[in-house]
Amino acid sequence: MARNYWLNLFTGTTWEEFRTAGGEVSGFRESRWRAVQQMKLGDYLLCYLTGISRWVGVLEVVSEPFKDDAPIWVDEAFPCRVRVRHVVALTPETAVPVFELRDKLSAFRDLKTPNAWTGHFRGSPVRWSAADGEAVVAALREAQEHPVHRPVDAGKLARRPRALKARVGAVTVPDNDDSTAELDQKQVDSTTTKEPTAHTEIQWRLLKLGSDMGLDVWVARNDRGREWEGHRFADVPRLRSQLPQQFDEATNRTVELIDVLWLRQNAIVAAFEIESTTSIYSGLLRMADLLAMQPNLNVPLYLVAPDERRQKVFSEVNRPTFSRLSPPLVQVCQYISFSQLRYHTDQVESFVRYLKPEFLNEFSEACVVEDE
C-alpha cells in the first residue's frame, strides 16, 4: 500500500514538549479526529515549525489512531493521537527553511499574491501529495546528513497561538498578518509584492457604498490605516471603532478580521471577503470558521474576486471540506465580480441613500455548480 504524507504543525514550544515527553506520540485537536482516523501504519508525518517556517522532522505512524488525554502538551490536550517513531529529527537551528523548497513544492506554484502559499499551512493533519511529501523527506534527510546551522528568532520560536473559547471548544484564530510576518520578502519576486491596489479599491468601494446607504461599516482591524487614491479608510463616515461583542471570544476575533462588514445598529447585515491580497482559500477559511463556530448565524457572506477567478471561486466554495459544514458554505456564500461591483456602485451613486443591502442580490451570484 502506498504511503501517505501528512502535514503536522508544531510551534517551537509544542515541538519541545513533544520531544521532552519522549517523542513517541503525536496528537491533534478533537475537531481533526476524522482526518486522523485516515492515517495508516507507515504513513509519514511532515513536521513543520510555524513560528519560524521550517521543516524540523519526519515521523512514521506505528499505531492505529486512538484518543487519549494523558498530558504531553501544556496548553492543549491534542487528544486525537497516533504513536510514531522518528525517521528524521532536526533542531530548530538545523531545520530546513520552507523557502529552500519553493521550487519543489506545489504550494509555491502560480502564486497570485506573496503569501498565498500560507493557505497550505493553516491546520493539521492535512494529507499532502506524494511528490510534495517525498521532496520534504529528501530535504530533511539531506539536512540530517549535512546540517547547516541557522540563527533562530527566539520570539518567533516561542510564539504560540492563544486558544480562544468557542461553542465548539478551544480554537485559534490566525491574524491576517501572521503569515506575512513569517515571509522573507527578499525571497519573493518583486512582481508579487506590489501594493495591492485592486484589493484596496474594492475595500474602499464597499465601505463607501455601505456608508452611503446609511449603514455602519467595519474594516478589518489591521487595514484601518489604508487609503485609496487619497481617501483614507479612517475618514469613512459611519466607520465603527469597535464591534458589538455578541459572540464568544473566538467568533469575535474572526469577525474582526473580515475585510468589510455592514451593520445596522448591532446586527451584521453583510460580510465581505476580498480575494485580491489573500488566497481564495484564506478568505473561505475565515468564512468557514465563522459558520463552524456559529452555525445559526444568518448573515449573507460575499466573496468578491476578479472576473477571471470566478471558476476558481466556485470550485473552492464547493470543496468537500466546506460542503460538510452545516449549513454548507455554498448555501450562504455569494460571489461578486470586481467588474460588477465597480459598475453598480457607479450607477447608483445618485440614489444610493434609498438602497437596502438586498440590492446586492441584483448582481451577486450563487456559487452552486451544476451536476454533470
Protein backbone atom coordinates (compact mmCIF):
# COMPACT_ATOMS: atom_id res chain seq x y z
CA MET A 1 0.00 0.00 0.00
CA ALA A 2 1.33 3.43 -0.95
CA ARG A 3 2.49 5.63 1.90
CA ASN A 4 0.54 8.81 2.66
CA TYR A 5 2.16 12.05 3.75
CA TRP A 6 0.54 14.34 6.34
CA LEU A 7 1.37 17.87 7.40
CA ASN A 8 1.95 18.01 11.18
CA LEU A 9 2.18 21.55 12.55
CA PHE A 10 4.14 22.41 15.69
CA THR A 11 5.15 25.58 17.43
CA GLY A 12 8.63 25.72 18.89
CA THR A 13 7.05 25.11 22.28
CA THR A 14 4.86 22.14 21.31
CA TRP A 15 7.78 20.55 19.45
CA GLU A 16 9.92 20.81 22.56
CA GLU A 17 7.11 19.42 24.71
CA PHE A 18 6.66 16.54 22.26
CA ARG A 19 10.38 15.76 22.41
CA THR A 20 10.55 16.09 26.20
CA ALA A 21 7.72 13.57 26.56
CA GLY A 22 9.75 11.04 24.58
CA GLY A 23 8.65 11.90 21.06
CA GLU A 24 6.57 8.75 20.75
CA VAL A 25 3.06 10.19 20.36
CA SER A 26 1.83 12.94 18.05
CA GLY A 27 -1.56 14.49 18.71
CA PHE A 28 -4.19 16.69 17.11
CA ARG A 29 -7.31 18.58 18.19
CA GLU A 30 -10.63 16.84 18.72
CA SER A 31 -12.05 18.54 15.62
CA ARG A 32 -9.44 16.71 13.49
CA TRP A 33 -10.47 13.21 14.51
CA ARG A 34 -12.00 12.38 11.14
CA ALA A 35 -8.71 13.16 9.38
CA VAL A 36 -6.60 11.37 12.00
CA GLN A 37 -8.69 8.22 11.52
CA GLN A 38 -7.50 8.08 7.91
CA MET A 39 -3.85 7.64 8.96
CA LYS A 40 -2.37 4.21 8.31
CA LEU A 41 0.65 2.32 9.59
CA GLY A 42 3.73 3.51 7.70
CA ASP A 43 2.37 6.94 6.84
CA TYR A 44 4.80 9.84 7.31
CA LEU A 45 4.05 13.00 9.30
CA LEU A 46 5.91 16.05 7.97
CA CYS A 47 6.74 18.21 10.99
CA TYR A 48 6.70 21.96 10.39
CA LEU A 49 7.54 24.74 12.88
CA THR A 50 5.02 27.51 12.27
CA GLY A 51 6.75 30.42 14.02
CA ILE A 52 9.98 30.16 12.02
CA SER A 53 8.61 28.46 8.87
CA ARG A 54 10.99 25.50 8.90
CA TRP A 55 10.70 21.74 8.41
CA VAL A 56 12.03 20.05 11.54
CA GLY A 57 11.33 16.33 11.26
CA VAL A 58 9.64 13.27 9.80
CA LEU A 59 7.65 10.82 11.92
CA GLU A 60 6.38 7.39 10.89
CA VAL A 61 2.96 6.27 12.12
CA VAL A 62 3.36 2.98 14.03
CA SER A 63 -0.11 2.54 15.57
CA GLU A 64 -3.77 2.85 14.76
CA PRO A 65 -5.31 6.23 15.69
CA PHE A 66 -6.58 6.49 19.24
CA LYS A 67 -7.86 9.06 21.73
CA ASP A 68 -6.07 9.84 24.97
CA ASP A 69 -5.87 12.83 27.34
CA ALA A 70 -2.64 11.84 29.09
CA PRO A 71 -0.63 15.07 29.45
CA ILE A 72 2.05 15.70 26.85
CA TRP A 73 1.45 19.34 25.94
CA VAL A 74 0.85 22.12 28.45
CA ASP A 75 -1.78 24.34 26.84
CA GLU A 76 -3.92 21.79 25.00
CA ALA A 77 -4.60 18.07 25.19
CA PHE A 78 -4.43 17.24 21.45
CA PRO A 79 -6.37 14.04 22.24
CA CYS A 80 -6.53 12.55 18.71
CA ARG A 81 -3.27 10.65 18.60
CA VAL A 82 -1.02 8.16 16.86
CA ARG A 83 2.16 6.52 18.07
CA VAL A 84 5.18 7.43 15.99
CA ARG A 85 8.85 6.72 15.51
CA HIS A 86 11.42 9.27 14.39
CA VAL A 87 12.60 8.99 10.80
CA VAL A 88 14.35 12.38 10.84
CA ALA A 89 14.57 14.77 13.79
CA LEU A 90 16.41 18.09 13.49
CA THR A 91 16.75 21.04 15.83
CA PRO A 92 15.15 24.43 15.11
CA GLU A 93 18.65 25.68 14.23
CA THR A 94 19.26 22.92 11.66
CA ALA A 95 15.66 22.72 10.41
CA VAL A 96 15.06 23.38 6.70
CA PRO A 97 13.51 26.76 5.79
CA VAL A 98 10.37 26.25 3.76
CA PHE A 99 11.63 28.66 1.09
CA GLU A 100 14.51 26.34 0.27
CA LEU A 101 11.86 24.03 -1.20
CA ARG A 102 9.85 26.66 -3.01
CA ASP A 103 10.89 25.27 -6.41
CA LYS A 104 9.81 21.76 -5.42
CA LEU A 105 6.53 22.22 -3.56
CA SER A 106 3.18 22.74 -5.26
CA ALA A 107 2.20 25.27 -2.56
CA PHE A 108 4.52 27.80 -4.22
CA ARG A 109 3.36 27.37 -7.81
CA ASP A 110 1.37 30.03 -9.63
CA LEU A 111 1.21 32.38 -6.65
CA LYS A 112 -1.16 35.28 -7.22
CA THR A 113 -0.06 37.07 -4.05
CA PRO A 114 3.07 36.89 -1.86
CA ASN A 115 1.58 34.89 0.99
CA ALA A 116 -0.93 32.74 -0.90
CA TRP A 117 1.28 29.73 -0.08
CA THR A 118 0.38 30.01 3.61
CA GLY A 119 -3.11 28.66 2.92
CA HIS A 120 -1.47 25.23 2.77
CA PHE A 121 -0.13 25.59 6.32
CA ARG A 122 -3.28 26.60 8.21
CA GLY A 123 -4.08 23.38 10.02
CA SER A 124 -3.09 19.76 10.51
CA PRO A 125 -3.24 16.96 9.80
CA VAL A 126 -3.65 17.62 6.08
CA ARG A 127 -2.74 14.99 3.50
CA TRP A 128 -0.06 16.12 1.06
CA SER A 129 0.71 14.72 -2.36
CA ALA A 130 3.36 12.03 -2.66
CA ALA A 131 5.55 14.35 -4.75
CA ASP A 132 5.46 17.10 -2.13
CA GLY A 133 5.95 14.63 0.71
CA GLU A 134 8.94 12.97 -0.92
CA ALA A 135 10.53 16.36 -1.59
CA VAL A 136 10.24 17.33 2.07
CA VAL A 137 11.60 13.98 3.29
CA ALA A 138 14.55 14.15 0.89
CA ALA A 139 15.43 17.67 2.04
CA LEU A 140 15.26 16.67 5.69
CA ARG A 141 17.41 13.58 5.16
CA GLU A 142 19.97 15.77 3.42
CA ALA A 143 19.86 18.27 6.30
CA GLN A 144 20.42 15.45 8.77
CA GLU A 145 23.44 14.19 6.85
CA HIS A 146 24.87 17.67 6.23
CA PRO A 147 23.45 20.01 8.89
CA VAL A 148 23.50 23.76 8.34
CA HIS A 149 23.10 25.88 11.46
CA ARG A 150 20.98 28.99 11.01
CA PRO A 151 20.12 31.54 13.68
CA VAL A 152 16.62 31.36 15.12
CA ASP A 153 14.47 34.25 16.28
CA ALA A 154 13.69 33.19 19.85
CA GLY A 155 10.50 35.24 19.93
CA LYS A 156 9.08 33.57 16.80
CA LEU A 157 10.15 30.14 18.01
CA ALA A 158 8.39 30.61 21.34
CA ARG A 159 5.26 32.11 19.80
CA ARG A 160 2.15 30.06 20.30
CA PRO A 161 -1.37 30.93 19.14
CA ARG A 162 -3.64 31.60 22.08
CA ALA A 163 -6.53 29.17 22.39
CA LEU A 164 -9.84 31.03 22.39
CA LYS A 165 -13.15 29.82 23.75
CA ALA A 166 -15.86 28.94 21.25
CA ARG A 167 -19.05 26.92 21.25
CA VAL A 168 -17.16 24.08 19.56
CA GLY A 169 -14.34 24.14 22.14
CA ALA A 170 -10.89 25.73 22.20
CA VAL A 171 -9.83 27.17 18.84
CA THR A 172 -7.23 29.52 17.42
CA VAL A 173 -7.79 32.41 15.02
CA PRO A 174 -4.73 33.37 12.91
CA ASP A 175 -4.19 37.06 12.27
CA ASN A 176 -4.22 38.22 8.66
CA ASP A 177 -0.64 39.37 9.04
CA ASP A 178 0.74 36.35 10.95
CA SER A 179 1.89 34.56 7.84
CA THR A 180 3.23 37.73 6.29
CA ALA A 181 5.44 38.22 9.32
CA GLU A 182 6.99 34.84 8.59
CA LEU A 183 7.67 35.76 4.99
CA ASP A 184 11.19 36.70 3.97
CA GLN A 185 10.39 39.32 1.36
CA LYS A 186 13.85 39.00 -0.19
CA GLN A 187 12.81 35.53 -1.33
CA VAL A 188 9.66 36.71 -3.10
CA ASP A 189 9.65 38.07 -6.63
CA SER A 190 9.19 41.83 -6.67
CA THR A 191 6.30 41.39 -9.09
CA THR A 192 4.24 39.76 -6.34
CA THR A 193 4.92 42.36 -3.67
CA LYS A 194 3.31 45.38 -5.31
CA GLU A 195 0.80 47.42 -3.33
CA PRO A 196 -2.50 45.52 -3.60
CA THR A 197 -4.37 48.40 -5.25
CA ALA A 198 -7.26 46.25 -6.52
CA HIS A 199 -7.97 44.90 -3.06
CA THR A 200 -7.75 48.36 -1.53
CA GLU A 201 -10.02 49.84 -4.20
CA ILE A 202 -12.71 47.20 -3.72
CA GLN A 203 -12.47 47.53 0.05
CA TRP A 204 -12.95 51.30 -0.28
CA ARG A 205 -15.92 50.90 -2.63
CA LEU A 206 -17.66 48.52 -0.22
CA LEU A 207 -17.03 50.81 2.74
CA LYS A 208 -18.31 53.87 0.87
CA LEU A 209 -21.33 52.01 -0.53
CA GLY A 210 -22.41 50.77 2.88
CA SER A 211 -21.85 54.16 4.50
CA ASP A 212 -23.76 55.98 1.74
CA MET A 213 -26.66 53.57 2.25
CA GLY A 214 -26.86 54.72 5.86
CA LEU A 215 -25.30 51.61 7.36
CA ASP A 216 -22.49 51.42 9.86
CA VAL A 217 -19.37 49.86 8.36
CA TRP A 218 -16.34 47.99 9.63
CA VAL A 219 -12.97 47.35 8.01
CA ALA A 220 -10.61 44.59 9.14
CA ARG A 221 -8.82 45.94 12.19
CA ASN A 222 -5.37 45.60 10.60
CA ASP A 223 -6.50 47.57 7.49
CA ARG A 224 -7.75 50.74 9.17
CA GLY A 225 -4.64 52.71 8.17
CA ARG A 226 -5.10 52.09 4.44
CA GLU A 227 -6.22 54.58 1.81
CA TRP A 228 -7.19 54.52 -1.85
CA GLU A 229 -6.47 57.44 -4.18
CA GLY A 230 -6.21 59.79 -1.23
CA HIS A 231 -9.34 58.50 0.50
CA ARG A 232 -8.41 57.29 3.97
CA PHE A 233 -10.40 54.40 5.34
CA ALA A 234 -10.34 56.02 8.76
CA ASP A 235 -12.28 59.01 7.35
CA VAL A 236 -15.23 56.99 6.02
CA PRO A 237 -18.45 58.25 7.65
CA ARG A 238 -20.12 55.71 9.93
CA LEU A 239 -16.93 53.63 10.28
CA ARG A 240 -17.27 51.74 13.55
CA SER A 241 -14.39 51.92 16.01
CA GLN A 242 -15.45 48.66 17.63
CA LEU A 243 -17.83 45.79 17.01
CA PRO A 244 -20.64 44.59 19.27
CA GLN A 245 -19.32 41.78 21.46
CA GLN A 246 -22.28 39.49 20.88
CA PHE A 247 -20.40 36.26 20.27
CA ASP A 248 -17.82 34.17 22.09
CA GLU A 249 -14.20 35.30 22.07
CA ALA A 250 -13.10 33.23 19.07
CA THR A 251 -16.03 34.31 16.91
CA ASN A 252 -15.48 37.97 17.77
CA ARG A 253 -11.82 37.65 16.80
CA THR A 254 -12.74 36.04 13.48
CA VAL A 255 -15.35 38.70 12.70
CA GLU A 256 -12.85 41.49 13.39
CA LEU A 257 -10.57 40.13 10.63
CA ILE A 258 -13.21 40.04 7.87
CA ASP A 259 -12.36 42.57 5.15
CA VAL A 260 -15.59 44.59 5.28
CA LEU A 261 -18.80 44.38 7.31
CA TRP A 262 -22.05 46.28 7.01
CA LEU A 263 -24.05 46.74 10.20
CA ARG A 264 -27.45 48.08 11.16
CA GLN A 265 -27.18 49.03 14.82
CA ASN A 266 -25.61 45.93 16.39
CA ALA A 267 -26.64 43.47 13.69
CA ILE A 268 -24.28 42.44 10.87
CA VAL A 269 -26.25 42.59 7.60
CA ALA A 270 -23.45 41.63 5.15
CA ALA A 271 -19.88 40.35 5.33
CA PHE A 272 -17.33 40.61 2.51
CA GLU A 273 -14.03 38.85 1.90
CA ILE A 274 -11.95 40.24 -0.97
CA GLU A 275 -9.72 37.83 -2.85
CA SER A 276 -7.02 40.17 -4.09
CA THR A 277 -4.39 40.09 -1.33
CA THR A 278 -5.08 36.73 0.31
CA SER A 279 -5.65 33.46 -1.47
CA ILE A 280 -9.24 32.48 -2.15
CA TYR A 281 -8.71 29.65 0.28
CA SER A 282 -7.70 32.00 3.11
CA GLY A 283 -10.87 34.07 2.80
CA LEU A 284 -13.01 30.96 2.63
CA LEU A 285 -11.32 29.53 5.71
CA ARG A 286 -12.35 32.60 7.66
CA MET A 287 -15.94 32.24 6.44
CA ALA A 288 -15.90 28.52 7.21
CA ASP A 289 -14.55 29.20 10.71
CA LEU A 290 -17.41 31.62 11.27
CA LEU A 291 -20.02 29.06 10.19
CA ALA A 292 -18.40 26.27 12.20
CA MET A 293 -18.49 28.36 15.37
CA GLN A 294 -21.89 29.97 14.73
CA PRO A 295 -23.95 27.54 12.59
CA ASN A 296 -27.15 29.51 13.20
CA LEU A 297 -25.63 32.77 12.02
CA ASN A 298 -27.94 34.38 9.48
CA VAL A 299 -25.60 36.79 7.70
CA PRO A 300 -25.10 36.95 3.91
CA LEU A 301 -21.46 36.22 3.07
CA TYR A 302 -19.88 37.54 -0.13
CA LEU A 303 -16.59 36.60 -1.76
CA VAL A 304 -15.52 39.46 -4.02
CA ALA A 305 -12.92 38.46 -6.60
CA PRO A 306 -11.61 39.32 -10.08
CA ASP A 307 -13.75 38.23 -13.01
CA GLU A 308 -11.11 35.80 -14.23
CA ARG A 309 -11.16 33.95 -10.89
CA ARG A 310 -14.89 33.18 -11.00
CA GLN A 311 -14.48 29.47 -11.74
CA LYS A 312 -11.76 29.20 -9.11
CA VAL A 313 -14.10 30.70 -6.52
CA PHE A 314 -16.89 28.27 -7.41
CA SER A 315 -14.53 25.30 -7.26
CA GLU A 316 -13.16 26.27 -3.87
CA VAL A 317 -16.55 27.04 -2.30
CA ASN A 318 -17.71 23.55 -3.29
CA ARG A 319 -14.77 21.71 -1.75
CA PRO A 320 -15.84 18.70 0.36
CA THR A 321 -14.40 20.42 3.45
CA PHE A 322 -16.84 23.32 3.08
CA SER A 323 -19.73 21.16 1.86
CA ARG A 324 -19.75 19.28 5.18
CA LEU A 325 -20.45 22.40 7.18
CA SER A 326 -23.97 22.89 8.47
CA PRO A 327 -25.20 24.74 6.55
CA PRO A 328 -22.81 24.06 3.63
CA LEU A 329 -20.82 27.15 2.71
CA VAL A 330 -22.25 27.14 -0.81
CA GLN A 331 -25.71 27.85 0.64
CA VAL A 332 -24.68 31.11 2.31
CA CYS A 333 -21.76 32.41 0.24
CA GLN A 334 -22.34 34.52 -2.89
CA TYR A 335 -19.81 35.65 -5.50
CA ILE A 336 -19.43 39.26 -6.70
CA SER A 337 -17.03 40.10 -9.50
CA PHE A 338 -14.85 43.19 -9.39
CA SER A 339 -16.35 44.49 -12.63
CA GLN A 340 -19.95 44.13 -11.43
CA LEU A 341 -19.20 45.87 -8.14
CA ARG A 342 -17.48 48.77 -9.92
CA TYR A 343 -20.32 49.13 -12.44
CA HIS A 344 -23.16 49.08 -9.93
CA THR A 345 -21.51 51.34 -7.35
CA ASP A 346 -21.01 53.94 -10.09
CA GLN A 347 -24.58 53.55 -11.41
CA VAL A 348 -26.36 54.01 -8.06
CA GLU A 349 -24.39 56.99 -6.80
CA SER A 350 -27.27 59.48 -7.25
CA PHE A 351 -29.85 57.42 -5.31
CA VAL A 352 -27.69 55.21 -3.11
CA ARG A 353 -29.22 56.52 0.12
CA TYR A 354 -32.51 54.80 -0.77
CA LEU A 355 -30.97 51.36 -1.28
CA LYS A 356 -31.15 48.36 1.05
CA PRO A 357 -28.47 45.64 1.45
CA GLU A 358 -30.67 43.32 -0.63
CA PHE A 359 -29.60 45.47 -3.60
CA LEU A 360 -26.58 43.15 -3.81
CA ASN A 361 -28.83 40.32 -4.96
CA GLU A 362 -29.15 42.05 -8.33
CA PHE A 363 -25.57 41.25 -9.29
CA SER A 364 -24.22 38.64 -6.86
CA GLU A 365 -24.15 35.01 -7.93
CA ALA A 366 -24.80 31.79 -6.05
CA CYS A 367 -21.72 29.56 -6.12
CA VAL A 368 -23.68 26.41 -6.96
CA VAL A 369 -22.07 24.11 -9.53
CA GLU A 370 -24.30 22.17 -11.90
CA ASP A 371 -24.37 18.39 -11.84
CA GLU A 372 -22.93 16.77 -14.93
